[in-house]
């Protein structure tokens, strides 16, 4: 049953990623992979919230953590796409863009994760960490 829940969650996450990257690509252009950067930052933020909020939650069991963390957010975030896009920028002679993309992804995703943990702890505890 867990595998089915993860697969359904993954389908939701994958569609979300597709819609975000499509919308940002149309809005901002295809010269830079804004959509992948956005879903990785948002995914980092949301995964941190899910992990923190459900870490000790026995009421939901492991199914909710699996559906949201592995399924939805696993389908939503896109490290393999990030890697390929960075390599393509390098192949196109865009070393500065590739470096900026890698650095922006690392810094923004770490910040997204840290903010997600802080938000989940604030909600749970009623005060900042």
N, C-alpha and C. Protein backbone atom coordinates (compact mmCIF):
# COMPACT_ATOMS: atom_id res chain seq x y z
N UNK A 1 0.83 -1.21 0.00
CA UNK A 1 0.00 0.00 0.00
C UNK A 1 0.87 1.26 0.00
N UNK A 2 1.98 1.24 0.73
CA UNK A 2 2.87 2.41 0.78
C UNK A 2 3.39 2.76 -0.61
N UNK A 3 3.76 1.76 -1.40
CA UNK A 3 4.28 2.02 -2.74
C UNK A 3 3.23 2.72 -3.61
N UNK A 4 2.00 2.33 -3.49
CA UNK A 4 0.93 2.96 -4.26
C UNK A 4 0.74 4.42 -3.83
N UNK A 5 0.78 4.66 -2.53
CA UNK A 5 0.65 6.02 -2.02
C UNK A 5 1.81 6.90 -2.50
N UNK A 6 3.02 6.34 -2.46
CA UNK A 6 4.19 7.09 -2.93
C UNK A 6 4.05 7.40 -4.42
N UNK A 7 3.61 6.43 -5.20
CA UNK A 7 3.44 6.63 -6.64
C UNK A 7 2.40 7.71 -6.92
N UNK A 8 1.30 7.69 -6.20
CA UNK A 8 0.27 8.72 -6.39
C UNK A 8 0.80 10.10 -5.99
N UNK A 9 1.52 10.15 -4.88
CA UNK A 9 2.14 11.41 -4.46
C UNK A 9 3.14 11.90 -5.49
N UNK A 10 3.93 10.97 -6.04
CA UNK A 10 4.91 11.34 -7.07
C UNK A 10 4.25 11.92 -8.31
N UNK A 11 3.11 11.37 -8.68
CA UNK A 11 2.38 11.90 -9.83
C UNK A 11 1.94 13.34 -9.57
N UNK A 12 1.48 13.60 -8.37
CA UNK A 12 1.07 14.97 -8.00
C UNK A 12 2.27 15.91 -8.04
N UNK A 13 3.39 15.48 -7.46
CA UNK A 13 4.59 16.31 -7.44
C UNK A 13 5.14 16.57 -8.83
N UNK A 14 5.13 15.54 -9.66
CA UNK A 14 5.64 15.69 -11.02
C UNK A 14 4.80 16.67 -11.83
N UNK A 15 3.49 16.58 -11.69
CA UNK A 15 2.62 17.54 -12.37
C UNK A 15 2.86 18.96 -11.86
N UNK A 16 3.04 19.09 -10.56
CA UNK A 16 3.33 20.41 -9.99
C UNK A 16 4.62 20.98 -10.56
N UNK A 17 5.66 20.15 -10.65
CA UNK A 17 6.94 20.59 -11.22
C UNK A 17 6.74 21.02 -12.67
N UNK A 18 6.02 20.24 -13.42
CA UNK A 18 5.78 20.56 -14.83
C UNK A 18 5.09 21.92 -14.96
N UNK A 19 4.04 22.13 -14.17
CA UNK A 19 3.29 23.38 -14.26
C UNK A 19 4.13 24.59 -13.85
N UNK A 20 4.92 24.44 -12.79
CA UNK A 20 5.77 25.55 -12.34
C UNK A 20 6.82 25.87 -13.40
N UNK A 21 7.51 24.85 -13.90
CA UNK A 21 8.56 25.12 -14.90
C UNK A 21 7.98 25.66 -16.19
N UNK A 22 6.82 25.19 -16.57
CA UNK A 22 6.16 25.71 -17.78
C UNK A 22 5.80 27.18 -17.59
N UNK A 23 5.18 27.50 -16.47
CA UNK A 23 4.77 28.88 -16.21
C UNK A 23 5.96 29.82 -16.13
N UNK A 24 7.00 29.42 -15.42
CA UNK A 24 8.18 30.30 -15.28
C UNK A 24 8.95 30.40 -16.59
N UNK A 25 8.99 29.31 -17.34
CA UNK A 25 9.65 29.36 -18.64
C UNK A 25 8.96 30.32 -19.58
N UNK A 26 7.63 30.30 -19.57
CA UNK A 26 6.87 31.22 -20.42
C UNK A 26 7.00 32.66 -19.93
N UNK A 27 7.04 32.84 -18.61
CA UNK A 27 7.10 34.19 -18.05
C UNK A 27 8.49 34.81 -18.15
N UNK A 28 9.53 33.99 -17.93
CA UNK A 28 10.88 34.54 -17.81
C UNK A 28 11.82 34.14 -18.95
N UNK A 29 11.40 33.22 -19.79
CA UNK A 29 12.24 32.79 -20.90
C UNK A 29 13.05 31.55 -20.55
N UNK A 30 13.63 30.97 -21.58
CA UNK A 30 14.34 29.70 -21.42
C UNK A 30 15.85 29.86 -21.34
N UNK A 31 16.36 31.08 -21.28
CA UNK A 31 17.81 31.29 -21.25
C UNK A 31 18.43 30.82 -19.94
N UNK A 32 17.64 30.73 -18.89
CA UNK A 32 18.11 30.30 -17.57
C UNK A 32 17.03 29.39 -16.99
N UNK A 33 17.42 28.29 -16.34
CA UNK A 33 16.43 27.32 -15.82
C UNK A 33 15.75 27.79 -14.52
N UNK A 34 14.97 28.86 -14.62
CA UNK A 34 14.28 29.41 -13.46
C UNK A 34 13.31 28.41 -12.82
N UNK A 35 12.62 27.66 -13.64
CA UNK A 35 11.63 26.71 -13.12
C UNK A 35 12.26 25.66 -12.23
N UNK A 36 13.36 25.07 -12.68
CA UNK A 36 14.04 24.05 -11.87
C UNK A 36 14.58 24.66 -10.59
N UNK A 37 15.17 25.83 -10.68
CA UNK A 37 15.67 26.50 -9.49
C UNK A 37 14.53 26.74 -8.50
N UNK A 38 13.41 27.22 -9.00
CA UNK A 38 12.25 27.50 -8.14
C UNK A 38 11.73 26.24 -7.46
N UNK A 39 11.53 25.16 -8.22
CA UNK A 39 10.98 23.96 -7.58
C UNK A 39 11.95 23.35 -6.59
N UNK A 40 13.26 23.47 -6.84
CA UNK A 40 14.22 22.94 -5.88
C UNK A 40 14.23 23.74 -4.59
N UNK A 41 14.10 25.06 -4.68
CA UNK A 41 14.05 25.89 -3.47
C UNK A 41 12.74 25.65 -2.71
N UNK A 42 11.63 25.69 -3.42
CA UNK A 42 10.34 25.45 -2.77
C UNK A 42 10.27 24.04 -2.21
N UNK A 43 10.78 23.07 -2.96
CA UNK A 43 10.80 21.69 -2.49
C UNK A 43 11.65 21.53 -1.24
N UNK A 44 12.80 22.21 -1.19
CA UNK A 44 13.65 22.17 0.00
C UNK A 44 12.91 22.74 1.21
N UNK A 45 12.23 23.84 1.01
CA UNK A 45 11.44 24.48 2.07
C UNK A 45 10.34 23.54 2.56
N UNK A 46 9.57 22.99 1.62
CA UNK A 46 8.45 22.14 2.01
C UNK A 46 8.89 20.81 2.62
N UNK A 47 9.97 20.22 2.11
CA UNK A 47 10.45 18.97 2.68
C UNK A 47 10.92 19.17 4.11
N UNK A 48 11.56 20.30 4.37
CA UNK A 48 11.98 20.60 5.75
C UNK A 48 10.77 20.73 6.67
N UNK A 49 9.73 21.38 6.19
CA UNK A 49 8.50 21.51 6.99
C UNK A 49 7.90 20.13 7.25
N UNK A 50 7.78 19.32 6.23
CA UNK A 50 7.20 17.98 6.38
C UNK A 50 8.02 17.15 7.35
N UNK A 51 9.34 17.16 7.18
CA UNK A 51 10.21 16.36 8.05
C UNK A 51 10.10 16.81 9.50
N UNK A 52 10.10 18.10 9.72
CA UNK A 52 10.02 18.62 11.09
C UNK A 52 8.63 18.41 11.69
N UNK A 53 7.62 18.73 10.93
CA UNK A 53 6.25 18.66 11.45
C UNK A 53 5.82 17.23 11.75
N UNK A 54 6.30 16.29 10.95
CA UNK A 54 5.85 14.91 11.13
C UNK A 54 6.89 14.02 11.80
N UNK A 55 7.99 14.59 12.27
CA UNK A 55 9.07 13.80 12.86
C UNK A 55 8.58 12.94 14.02
N UNK A 56 7.81 13.50 14.89
CA UNK A 56 7.34 12.75 16.05
C UNK A 56 5.86 12.45 16.00
N UNK A 57 5.25 12.67 14.86
CA UNK A 57 3.80 12.50 14.74
C UNK A 57 3.46 11.04 14.55
N UNK A 58 2.95 10.43 15.59
CA UNK A 58 2.54 9.03 15.48
C UNK A 58 1.10 8.91 15.01
N UNK A 59 0.35 10.01 15.09
CA UNK A 59 -1.04 9.99 14.70
C UNK A 59 -1.20 9.64 13.21
N UNK A 60 -0.26 10.11 12.37
CA UNK A 60 -0.37 9.88 10.94
C UNK A 60 0.39 8.65 10.48
N UNK A 61 1.24 8.09 11.31
CA UNK A 61 2.06 6.96 10.91
C UNK A 61 3.07 7.36 9.87
N UNK A 62 3.64 6.39 9.22
CA UNK A 62 4.66 6.69 8.22
C UNK A 62 4.06 6.99 6.85
N UNK A 63 2.82 6.61 6.63
CA UNK A 63 2.23 6.80 5.30
C UNK A 63 2.22 8.26 4.85
N UNK A 64 1.85 9.17 5.73
CA UNK A 64 1.80 10.58 5.34
C UNK A 64 3.19 11.10 5.04
N UNK A 65 4.17 10.73 5.85
CA UNK A 65 5.55 11.14 5.58
C UNK A 65 6.01 10.59 4.23
N UNK A 66 5.68 9.35 3.93
CA UNK A 66 6.08 8.76 2.66
C UNK A 66 5.39 9.44 1.48
N UNK A 67 4.10 9.67 1.60
CA UNK A 67 3.36 10.29 0.51
C UNK A 67 3.88 11.70 0.24
N UNK A 68 4.03 12.50 1.29
CA UNK A 68 4.46 13.88 1.11
C UNK A 68 5.95 14.00 0.82
N UNK A 69 6.78 13.34 1.60
CA UNK A 69 8.23 13.48 1.46
C UNK A 69 8.80 12.76 0.26
N UNK A 70 8.55 11.46 0.17
CA UNK A 70 9.11 10.66 -0.91
C UNK A 70 8.29 10.85 -2.19
N UNK A 71 6.97 10.82 -2.07
CA UNK A 71 6.10 10.91 -3.24
C UNK A 71 6.00 12.31 -3.82
N UNK A 72 5.22 13.16 -3.16
CA UNK A 72 4.93 14.49 -3.71
C UNK A 72 6.22 15.30 -3.89
N UNK A 73 7.01 15.44 -2.84
CA UNK A 73 8.19 16.29 -2.94
C UNK A 73 9.33 15.62 -3.69
N UNK A 74 9.39 14.30 -3.66
CA UNK A 74 10.36 13.59 -4.48
C UNK A 74 10.08 13.77 -5.96
N UNK A 75 8.80 13.79 -6.32
CA UNK A 75 8.41 14.04 -7.71
C UNK A 75 8.53 15.50 -8.09
N UNK A 76 8.41 16.38 -7.11
CA UNK A 76 8.43 17.82 -7.37
C UNK A 76 9.84 18.35 -7.56
N UNK A 77 10.78 17.93 -6.72
CA UNK A 77 12.15 18.44 -6.82
C UNK A 77 12.89 17.71 -7.93
N UNK A 78 13.97 18.31 -8.40
CA UNK A 78 14.52 17.88 -9.67
C UNK A 78 16.03 17.92 -9.73
N UNK A 79 16.71 17.24 -8.82
CA UNK A 79 18.16 17.32 -8.86
C UNK A 79 18.72 16.85 -10.19
N UNK A 80 18.19 15.77 -10.74
CA UNK A 80 18.73 15.28 -12.00
C UNK A 80 18.53 16.31 -13.12
N UNK A 81 17.42 17.00 -13.11
CA UNK A 81 17.21 18.07 -14.11
C UNK A 81 18.19 19.21 -13.87
N UNK A 82 18.39 19.56 -12.62
CA UNK A 82 19.34 20.61 -12.26
C UNK A 82 20.73 20.26 -12.79
N UNK A 83 21.15 19.03 -12.55
CA UNK A 83 22.47 18.59 -12.99
C UNK A 83 22.61 18.69 -14.52
N UNK A 84 21.63 18.18 -15.24
CA UNK A 84 21.68 18.20 -16.69
C UNK A 84 21.69 19.64 -17.22
N UNK A 85 20.86 20.50 -16.63
CA UNK A 85 20.81 21.89 -17.09
C UNK A 85 22.13 22.61 -16.85
N UNK A 86 22.77 22.35 -15.71
CA UNK A 86 24.08 22.96 -15.43
C UNK A 86 25.12 22.45 -16.44
N UNK A 87 25.09 21.15 -16.73
CA UNK A 87 26.02 20.61 -17.72
C UNK A 87 25.77 21.18 -19.11
N UNK A 88 24.51 21.36 -19.47
CA UNK A 88 24.19 21.93 -20.78
C UNK A 88 24.69 23.37 -20.90
N UNK A 89 24.54 24.13 -19.82
CA UNK A 89 25.06 25.50 -19.84
C UNK A 89 26.58 25.49 -20.04
N UNK A 90 27.27 24.56 -19.40
CA UNK A 90 28.72 24.44 -19.59
C UNK A 90 29.05 24.06 -21.02
N UNK A 91 28.31 23.12 -21.57
CA UNK A 91 28.54 22.69 -22.95
C UNK A 91 28.32 23.83 -23.95
N UNK A 92 27.42 24.74 -23.61
CA UNK A 92 27.13 25.88 -24.49
C UNK A 92 28.11 27.03 -24.28
N UNK A 93 29.14 26.80 -23.47
CA UNK A 93 30.13 27.84 -23.22
C UNK A 93 29.67 28.90 -22.24
N UNK A 94 28.65 28.59 -21.47
CA UNK A 94 28.07 29.54 -20.50
C UNK A 94 28.56 29.21 -19.09
N UNK A 95 29.86 29.22 -18.89
CA UNK A 95 30.43 28.84 -17.59
C UNK A 95 29.94 29.76 -16.47
N UNK A 96 29.83 31.03 -16.75
CA UNK A 96 29.37 31.97 -15.71
C UNK A 96 27.92 31.68 -15.33
N UNK A 97 27.06 31.43 -16.33
CA UNK A 97 25.67 31.09 -16.03
C UNK A 97 25.59 29.77 -15.27
N UNK A 98 26.37 28.78 -15.70
CA UNK A 98 26.36 27.47 -15.03
C UNK A 98 26.80 27.63 -13.57
N UNK A 99 27.86 28.37 -13.34
CA UNK A 99 28.35 28.59 -11.98
C UNK A 99 27.33 29.35 -11.14
N UNK A 100 26.72 30.36 -11.73
CA UNK A 100 25.69 31.12 -11.01
C UNK A 100 24.50 30.26 -10.67
N UNK A 101 24.13 29.39 -11.59
CA UNK A 101 23.00 28.48 -11.37
C UNK A 101 23.29 27.50 -10.25
N UNK A 102 24.48 26.91 -10.26
CA UNK A 102 24.86 25.96 -9.21
C UNK A 102 24.91 26.67 -7.86
N UNK A 103 25.56 27.82 -7.82
CA UNK A 103 25.66 28.56 -6.56
C UNK A 103 24.29 29.01 -6.07
N UNK A 104 23.47 29.55 -6.96
CA UNK A 104 22.13 30.00 -6.57
C UNK A 104 21.30 28.84 -6.05
N UNK A 105 21.40 27.69 -6.70
CA UNK A 105 20.65 26.52 -6.26
C UNK A 105 21.09 26.07 -4.87
N UNK A 106 22.39 25.97 -4.66
CA UNK A 106 22.88 25.51 -3.36
C UNK A 106 22.49 26.48 -2.24
N UNK A 107 22.74 27.76 -2.45
CA UNK A 107 22.45 28.75 -1.41
C UNK A 107 20.94 28.87 -1.17
N UNK A 108 20.17 28.98 -2.25
CA UNK A 108 18.73 29.16 -2.09
C UNK A 108 18.06 27.93 -1.50
N UNK A 109 18.51 26.72 -1.88
CA UNK A 109 17.90 25.51 -1.31
C UNK A 109 18.26 25.34 0.15
N UNK A 110 19.48 25.67 0.53
CA UNK A 110 19.85 25.62 1.95
C UNK A 110 19.00 26.64 2.73
N UNK A 111 18.82 27.82 2.17
CA UNK A 111 17.99 28.84 2.82
C UNK A 111 16.54 28.36 2.89
N UNK A 112 16.04 27.77 1.80
CA UNK A 112 14.68 27.25 1.81
C UNK A 112 14.49 26.19 2.87
N UNK A 113 15.45 25.27 2.99
CA UNK A 113 15.38 24.24 4.02
C UNK A 113 15.43 24.82 5.42
N UNK A 114 16.33 25.77 5.64
CA UNK A 114 16.44 26.41 6.97
C UNK A 114 15.15 27.16 7.32
N UNK A 115 14.60 27.87 6.36
CA UNK A 115 13.33 28.59 6.61
C UNK A 115 12.19 27.62 6.86
N UNK A 116 12.18 26.49 6.14
CA UNK A 116 11.15 25.48 6.37
C UNK A 116 11.22 24.90 7.78
N UNK A 117 12.43 24.59 8.23
CA UNK A 117 12.58 24.08 9.60
C UNK A 117 12.13 25.13 10.62
N UNK A 118 12.55 26.36 10.41
CA UNK A 118 12.16 27.43 11.34
C UNK A 118 10.65 27.63 11.34
N UNK A 119 10.03 27.59 10.15
CA UNK A 119 8.58 27.77 10.08
C UNK A 119 7.84 26.64 10.79
N UNK A 120 8.29 25.41 10.58
CA UNK A 120 7.65 24.27 11.23
C UNK A 120 7.81 24.34 12.75
N UNK A 121 8.99 24.75 13.19
CA UNK A 121 9.22 24.87 14.64
C UNK A 121 8.42 26.02 15.23
N UNK A 122 8.29 27.09 14.50
CA UNK A 122 7.49 28.22 14.96
C UNK A 122 6.02 27.82 15.10
N UNK A 123 5.53 27.09 14.12
CA UNK A 123 4.14 26.63 14.18
C UNK A 123 3.95 25.67 15.33
N UNK A 124 4.90 24.76 15.51
CA UNK A 124 4.77 23.75 16.56
C UNK A 124 4.94 24.32 17.96
N UNK A 125 5.88 25.25 18.10
CA UNK A 125 6.22 25.76 19.43
C UNK A 125 5.61 27.13 19.74
N UNK A 126 5.18 27.82 18.73
CA UNK A 126 4.61 29.14 18.94
C UNK A 126 5.64 30.23 19.12
N UNK A 127 6.92 29.89 18.96
CA UNK A 127 7.97 30.89 19.08
C UNK A 127 9.13 30.52 18.15
N UNK A 128 9.93 31.50 17.78
CA UNK A 128 11.07 31.21 16.89
C UNK A 128 12.04 30.24 17.57
N UNK A 129 12.81 29.49 16.75
CA UNK A 129 13.77 28.53 17.33
C UNK A 129 14.89 29.22 18.09
